[in-house]
Amino acid sequence: MAQGTHDLVVNLPSSASPSSVLLSAMDSTVEKVVYNANPTYTQNFFTSAAQKFLLSYLIYYGGSW
């Protein structure tokens, strides 16, 4: 990933809750998030290097106890 600001679009399954999405990347900050059917994260990356990303979200009726 190149240094600077980038827009990242998260393609979610239809059963996912868009408001529950969390996206983080090493060596970056989140500048803005636009919650649509597929949330768009504007991230500012501090270095030009390989990045590690973490993505999590909730799925409606994903499990039962």
PDB file of N, CA and C in Angstrom:
ATOM      1  N   MET A   1       0.853  -1.167   0.000  1.00  0.00           N
ATOM      2  CA  MET A   1       0.000   0.000   0.000  1.00  0.00           C
ATOM      3  C   MET A   1       0.897   1.228   0.000  1.00  0.00           C
ATOM      4  N   ALA A   2       0.582   2.177  -0.833  1.00  0.00           N
ATOM      5  CA  ALA A   2       1.358   3.411  -0.923  1.00  0.00           C
ATOM      6  C   ALA A   2       0.986   4.354   0.218  1.00  0.00           C
ATOM      7  N   GLN A   3       1.925   5.161   0.612  1.00  0.00           N
ATOM      8  CA  GLN A   3       1.699   6.140   1.662  1.00  0.00           C
ATOM      9  C   GLN A   3       0.654   7.158   1.204  1.00  0.00           C
ATOM     10  N   GLY A   4      -0.204   7.617   2.116  1.00  0.00           N
ATOM     11  CA  GLY A   4      -1.207   8.621   1.790  1.00  0.00           C
ATOM     12  C   GLY A   4      -2.607   8.132   2.075  1.00  0.00           C
ATOM     13  N   THR A   5      -3.575   8.862   1.568  1.00  0.00           N
ATOM     14  CA  THR A   5      -4.987   8.580   1.818  1.00  0.00           C
ATOM     15  C   THR A   5      -5.572   7.710   0.707  1.00  0.00           C
ATOM     16  N   HIS A   6      -6.302   6.661   1.122  1.00  0.00           N
ATOM     17  CA  HIS A   6      -6.918   5.724   0.176  1.00  0.00           C
ATOM     18  C   HIS A   6      -8.338   5.421   0.618  1.00  0.00           C
ATOM     19  N   ASP A   7      -9.254   5.236  -0.349  1.00  0.00           N
ATOM     20  CA  ASP A   7     -10.613   4.792  -0.067  1.00  0.00           C
ATOM     21  C   ASP A   7     -10.679   3.285  -0.234  1.00  0.00           C
ATOM     22  N   LEU A   8     -11.168   2.604   0.795  1.00  0.00           N
ATOM     23  CA  LEU A   8     -11.296   1.150   0.775  1.00  0.00           C
ATOM     24  C   LEU A   8     -12.770   0.802   0.904  1.00  0.00           C
ATOM     25  N   VAL A   9     -13.308   0.073  -0.073  1.00  0.00           N
ATOM     26  CA  VAL A   9     -14.710  -0.336  -0.059  1.00  0.00           C
ATOM     27  C   VAL A   9     -14.778  -1.776   0.431  1.00  0.00           C
ATOM     28  N   VAL A  10     -15.614  -2.004   1.450  1.00  0.00           N
ATOM     29  CA  VAL A  10     -15.769  -3.338   2.025  1.00  0.00           C
ATOM     30  C   VAL A  10     -17.008  -3.981   1.415  1.00  0.00           C
ATOM     31  N   ASN A  11     -16.814  -5.053   0.659  1.00  0.00           N
ATOM     32  CA  ASN A  11     -17.911  -5.772   0.024  1.00  0.00           C
ATOM     33  C   ASN A  11     -18.482  -6.770   1.035  1.00  0.00           C
ATOM     34  N   LEU A  12     -19.662  -6.465   1.559  1.00  0.00           N
ATOM     35  CA  LEU A  12     -20.261  -7.285   2.615  1.00  0.00           C
ATOM     36  C   LEU A  12     -21.268  -8.278   2.065  1.00  0.00           C
ATOM     37  N   PRO A  13     -21.399  -9.435   2.718  1.00  0.00           N
ATOM     38  CA  PRO A  13     -22.488 -10.343   2.356  1.00  0.00           C
ATOM     39  C   PRO A  13     -23.825  -9.685   2.714  1.00  0.00           C
ATOM     40  N   SER A  14     -24.898 -10.057   2.046  1.00  0.00           N
ATOM     41  CA  SER A  14     -26.197  -9.421   2.260  1.00  0.00           C
ATOM     42  C   SER A  14     -26.718  -9.611   3.686  1.00  0.00           C
ATOM     43  N   SER A  15     -26.283 -10.653   4.372  1.00  0.00           N
ATOM     44  CA  SER A  15     -26.767 -10.910   5.731  1.00  0.00           C
ATOM     45  C   SER A  15     -25.965 -10.165   6.801  1.00  0.00           C
ATOM     46  N   ALA A  16     -24.959  -9.391   6.420  1.00  0.00           N
ATOM     47  CA  ALA A  16     -24.133  -8.662   7.389  1.00  0.00           C
ATOM     48  C   ALA A  16     -24.777  -7.333   7.769  1.00  0.00           C
ATOM     49  N   SER A  17     -24.489  -6.897   8.956  1.00  0.00           N
ATOM     50  CA  SER A  17     -24.976  -5.610   9.439  1.00  0.00           C
ATOM     51  C   SER A  17     -23.944  -4.533   9.099  1.00  0.00           C
ATOM     52  N   PRO A  18     -24.244  -3.618   8.173  1.00  0.00           N
ATOM     53  CA  PRO A  18     -23.262  -2.598   7.765  1.00  0.00           C
ATOM     54  C   PRO A  18     -22.772  -1.727   8.921  1.00  0.00           C
ATOM     55  N   SER A  19     -23.626  -1.474   9.910  1.00  0.00           N
ATOM     56  CA  SER A  19     -23.211  -0.621  11.028  1.00  0.00           C
ATOM     57  C   SER A  19     -22.279  -1.334  12.004  1.00  0.00           C
ATOM     58  N   SER A  20     -22.102  -2.645  11.853  1.00  0.00           N
ATOM     59  CA  SER A  20     -21.220  -3.391  12.762  1.00  0.00           C
ATOM     60  C   SER A  20     -19.816  -3.602  12.202  1.00  0.00           C
ATOM     61  N   VAL A  21     -19.551  -3.104  11.006  1.00  0.00           N
ATOM     62  CA  VAL A  21     -18.268  -3.345  10.348  1.00  0.00           C
ATOM     63  C   VAL A  21     -17.142  -2.598  11.062  1.00  0.00           C
ATOM     64  N   LEU A  22     -16.052  -3.310  11.292  1.00  0.00           N
ATOM     65  CA  LEU A  22     -14.831  -2.713  11.826  1.00  0.00           C
ATOM     66  C   LEU A  22     -13.690  -3.089  10.888  1.00  0.00           C
ATOM     67  N   LEU A  23     -12.974  -2.093  10.403  1.00  0.00           N
ATOM     68  CA  LEU A  23     -11.816  -2.313   9.546  1.00  0.00           C
ATOM     69  C   LEU A  23     -10.648  -1.554  10.141  1.00  0.00           C
ATOM     70  N   SER A  24      -9.553  -2.249  10.350  1.00  0.00           N
ATOM     71  CA  SER A  24      -8.348  -1.562  10.818  1.00  0.00           C
ATOM     72  C   SER A  24      -7.165  -2.059   9.999  1.00  0.00           C
ATOM     73  N   ALA A  25      -6.165  -1.201   9.905  1.00  0.00           N
ATOM     74  CA  ALA A  25      -4.949  -1.537   9.171  1.00  0.00           C
ATOM     75  C   ALA A  25      -3.759  -1.029   9.975  1.00  0.00           C
ATOM     76  N   MET A  26      -2.667  -1.792   9.912  1.00  0.00           N
ATOM     77  CA  MET A  26      -1.451  -1.375  10.598  1.00  0.00           C
ATOM     78  C   MET A  26      -0.956  -0.050  10.049  1.00  0.00           C
ATOM     79  N   ASP A  27      -0.417   0.757  10.922  1.00  0.00           N
ATOM     80  CA  ASP A  27       0.273   1.983  10.531  1.00  0.00           C
ATOM     81  C   ASP A  27      -0.620   2.929   9.738  1.00  0.00           C
ATOM     82  N   SER A  28      -1.883   3.067  10.184  1.00  0.00           N
ATOM     83  CA  SER A  28      -2.811   3.965   9.499  1.00  0.00           C
ATOM     84  C   SER A  28      -3.851   4.487  10.479  1.00  0.00           C
ATOM     85  N   THR A  29      -4.555   5.510  10.065  1.00  0.00           N
ATOM     86  CA  THR A  29      -5.689   6.024  10.829  1.00  0.00           C
ATOM     87  C   THR A  29      -6.901   6.095   9.908  1.00  0.00           C
ATOM     88  N   VAL A  30      -8.082   5.988  10.506  1.00  0.00           N
ATOM     89  CA  VAL A  30      -9.325   6.121   9.751  1.00  0.00           C
ATOM     90  C   VAL A  30      -9.674   7.603   9.703  1.00  0.00           C
ATOM     91  N   GLU A  31      -9.793   8.139   8.512  1.00  0.00           N
ATOM     92  CA  GLU A  31     -10.146   9.546   8.326  1.00  0.00           C
ATOM     93  C   GLU A  31     -11.660   9.727   8.288  1.00  0.00           C
ATOM     94  N   LYS A  32     -12.357   8.781   7.638  1.00  0.00           N
ATOM     95  CA  LYS A  32     -13.802   8.908   7.453  1.00  0.00           C
ATOM     96  C   LYS A  32     -14.375   7.542   7.118  1.00  0.00           C
ATOM     97  N   VAL A  33     -15.638   7.312   7.518  1.00  0.00           N
ATOM     98  CA  VAL A  33     -16.363   6.097   7.143  1.00  0.00           C
ATOM     99  C   VAL A  33     -17.730   6.513   6.617  1.00  0.00           C
ATOM    100  N   VAL A  34     -18.093   6.012   5.441  1.00  0.00           N
ATOM    101  CA  VAL A  34     -19.420   6.240   4.871  1.00  0.00           C
ATOM    102  C   VAL A  34     -20.130   4.889   4.868  1.00  0.00           C
ATOM    103  N   TYR A  35     -21.210   4.786   5.658  1.00  0.00           N
ATOM    104  CA  TYR A  35     -21.943   3.525   5.770  1.00  0.00           C
ATOM    105  C   TYR A  35     -23.022   3.444   4.708  1.00  0.00           C
ATOM    106  N   ASN A  36     -22.771   2.666   3.679  1.00  0.00           N
ATOM    107  CA  ASN A  36     -23.755   2.326   2.640  1.00  0.00           C
ATOM    108  C   ASN A  36     -23.948   0.826   2.686  1.00  0.00           C
ATOM    109  N   ALA A  37     -24.520   0.241   1.651  1.00  0.00           N
ATOM    110  CA  ALA A  37     -24.617  -1.217   1.581  1.00  0.00           C
ATOM    111  C   ALA A  37     -23.226  -1.831   1.667  1.00  0.00           C
ATOM    112  N   ASN A  38     -22.236  -1.173   1.053  1.00  0.00           N
ATOM    113  CA  ASN A  38     -20.833  -1.563   1.162  1.00  0.00           C
ATOM    114  C   ASN A  38     -20.070  -0.365   1.727  1.00  0.00           C
ATOM    115  N   PRO A  39     -19.738  -0.400   3.040  1.00  0.00           N
ATOM    116  CA  PRO A  39     -19.087   0.748   3.678  1.00  0.00           C
ATOM    117  C   PRO A  39     -17.769   1.135   2.993  1.00  0.00           C
ATOM    118  N   THR A  40     -17.515   2.436   2.930  1.00  0.00           N
ATOM    119  CA  THR A  40     -16.274   2.964   2.369  1.00  0.00           C
ATOM    120  C   THR A  40     -15.460   3.604   3.484  1.00  0.00           C
ATOM    121  N   TYR A  41     -14.252   3.100   3.674  1.00  0.00           N
ATOM    122  CA  TYR A  41     -13.333   3.626   4.684  1.00  0.00           C
ATOM    123  C   TYR A  41     -12.274   4.465   3.994  1.00  0.00           C
ATOM    124  N   THR A  42     -12.067   5.690   4.474  1.00  0.00           N
ATOM    125  CA  THR A  42     -10.961   6.518   4.010  1.00  0.00           C
ATOM    126  C   THR A  42      -9.860   6.387   5.047  1.00  0.00           C
ATOM    127  N   GLN A  43      -8.750   5.755   4.646  1.00  0.00           N
ATOM    128  CA  GLN A  43      -7.628   5.480   5.553  1.00  0.00           C
ATOM    129  C   GLN A  43      -6.419   6.311   5.130  1.00  0.00           C
ATOM    130  N   ASN A  44      -5.682   6.795   6.119  1.00  0.00           N
ATOM    131  CA  ASN A  44      -4.442   7.503   5.867  1.00  0.00           C
ATOM    132  C   ASN A  44      -3.294   6.593   6.295  1.00  0.00           C
ATOM    133  N   PHE A  45      -2.508   6.129   5.331  1.00  0.00           N
ATOM    134  CA  PHE A  45      -1.381   5.234   5.603  1.00  0.00           C
ATOM    135  C   PHE A  45      -0.105   6.048   5.762  1.00  0.00           C
ATOM    136  N   PHE A  46       0.656   5.741   6.821  1.00  0.00           N
ATOM    137  CA  PHE A  46       1.842   6.527   7.162  1.00  0.00           C
ATOM    138  C   PHE A  46       3.103   6.074   6.438  1.00  0.00           C
ATOM    139  N   THR A  47       3.146   4.822   6.019  1.00  0.00           N
ATOM    140  CA  THR A  47       4.340   4.311   5.336  1.00  0.00           C
ATOM    141  C   THR A  47       3.946   3.531   4.089  1.00  0.00           C
ATOM    142  N   SER A  48       4.858   3.429   3.143  1.00  0.00           N
ATOM    143  CA  SER A  48       4.651   2.606   1.950  1.00  0.00           C
ATOM    144  C   SER A  48       5.260   1.239   2.228  1.00  0.00           C
ATOM    145  N   ALA A  49       4.422   0.305   2.623  1.00  0.00           N
ATOM    146  CA  ALA A  49       4.897  -1.033   2.992  1.00  0.00           C
ATOM    147  C   ALA A  49       3.714  -1.998   2.943  1.00  0.00           C
ATOM    148  N   ALA A  50       4.018  -3.265   3.124  1.00  0.00           N
ATOM    149  CA  ALA A  50       2.951  -4.262   3.239  1.00  0.00           C
ATOM    150  C   ALA A  50       2.140  -3.952   4.496  1.00  0.00           C
ATOM    151  N   GLN A  51       0.837  -4.087   4.415  1.00  0.00           N
ATOM    152  CA  GLN A  51      -0.045  -3.777   5.535  1.00  0.00           C
ATOM    153  C   GLN A  51      -0.769  -5.034   5.999  1.00  0.00           C
ATOM    154  N   LYS A  52      -1.102  -5.060   7.274  1.00  0.00           N
ATOM    155  CA  LYS A  52      -1.948  -6.107   7.826  1.00  0.00           C
ATOM    156  C   LYS A  52      -3.306  -5.490   8.106  1.00  0.00           C
ATOM    157  N   PHE A  53      -4.362  -6.141   7.592  1.00  0.00           N
ATOM    158  CA  PHE A  53      -5.719  -5.642   7.756  1.00  0.00           C
ATOM    159  C   PHE A  53      -6.506  -6.580   8.667  1.00  0.00           C
ATOM    160  N   LEU A  54      -7.423  -6.005   9.432  1.00  0.00           N
ATOM    161  CA  LEU A  54      -8.336  -6.766  10.268  1.00  0.00           C
ATOM    162  C   LEU A  54      -9.748  -6.308   9.946  1.00  0.00           C
ATOM    163  N   LEU A  55     -10.614  -7.245   9.550  1.00  0.00           N
ATOM    164  CA  LEU A  55     -11.992  -6.943   9.204  1.00  0.00           C
ATOM    165  C   LEU A  55     -12.914  -7.820  10.035  1.00  0.00           C
ATOM    166  N   SER A  56     -13.910  -7.199  10.659  1.00  0.00           N
ATOM    167  CA  SER A  56     -14.910  -7.981  11.390  1.00  0.00           C
ATOM    168  C   SER A  56     -16.276  -7.335  11.206  1.00  0.00           C
ATOM    169  N   TYR A  57     -17.326  -8.158  11.288  1.00  0.00           N
ATOM    170  CA  TYR A  57     -18.700  -7.667  11.187  1.00  0.00           C
ATOM    171  C   TYR A  57     -19.634  -8.727  11.751  1.00  0.00           C
ATOM    172  N   LEU A  58     -20.839  -8.295  12.100  1.00  0.00           N
ATOM    173  CA  LEU A  58     -21.868  -9.198  12.611  1.00  0.00           C
ATOM    174  C   LEU A  58     -22.791  -9.617  11.475  1.00  0.00           C
ATOM    175  N   ILE A  59     -23.259 -10.851  11.548  1.00  0.00           N
ATOM    176  CA  ILE A  59     -24.208 -11.374  10.562  1.00  0.00           C
ATOM    177  C   ILE A  59     -25.513 -11.685  11.289  1.00  0.00           C
ATOM    178  N   TYR A  60     -26.614 -11.140  10.764  1.00  0.00           N
ATOM    179  CA  TYR A  60     -27.927 -11.423  11.360  1.00  0.00           C
ATOM    180  C   TYR A  60     -28.197 -12.911  11.334  1.00  0.00           C
ATOM    181  N   TYR A  61     -28.666 -13.436  12.455  1.00  0.00           N
ATOM    182  CA  TYR A  61     -29.018 -14.857  12.592  1.00  0.00           C
ATOM    183  C   TYR A  61     -27.826 -15.757  12.253  1.00  0.00           C
ATOM    184  N   GLY A  62     -26.626 -15.299  12.613  1.00  0.00           N
ATOM    185  CA  GLY A  62     -25.400 -16.053  12.312  1.00  0.00           C
ATOM    186  C   GLY A  62     -25.204 -17.273  13.190  1.00  0.00           C
ATOM    187  N   GLY A  63     -25.893 -17.349  14.279  1.00  0.00           N
ATOM    188  CA  GLY A  63     -25.748 -18.496  15.177  1.00  0.00           C
ATOM    189  C   GLY A  63     -26.835 -18.479  16.236  1.00  0.00           C
ATOM    190  N   SER A  64     -26.958 -19.553  16.939  1.00  0.00           N
ATOM    191  CA  SER A  64     -27.955 -19.603  18.012  1.00  0.00           C
ATOM    192  C   SER A  64     -27.399 -20.438  19.154  1.00  0.00           C
ATOM    193  N   TRP A  65     -27.912 -20.174  20.338  1.00  0.00           N
ATOM    194  CA  TRP A  65     -27.467 -20.911  21.519  1.00  0.00           C
ATOM    195  C   TRP A  65     -28.629 -21.626  22.132  1.00  0.00           C
TER     196      TRP A  65
END
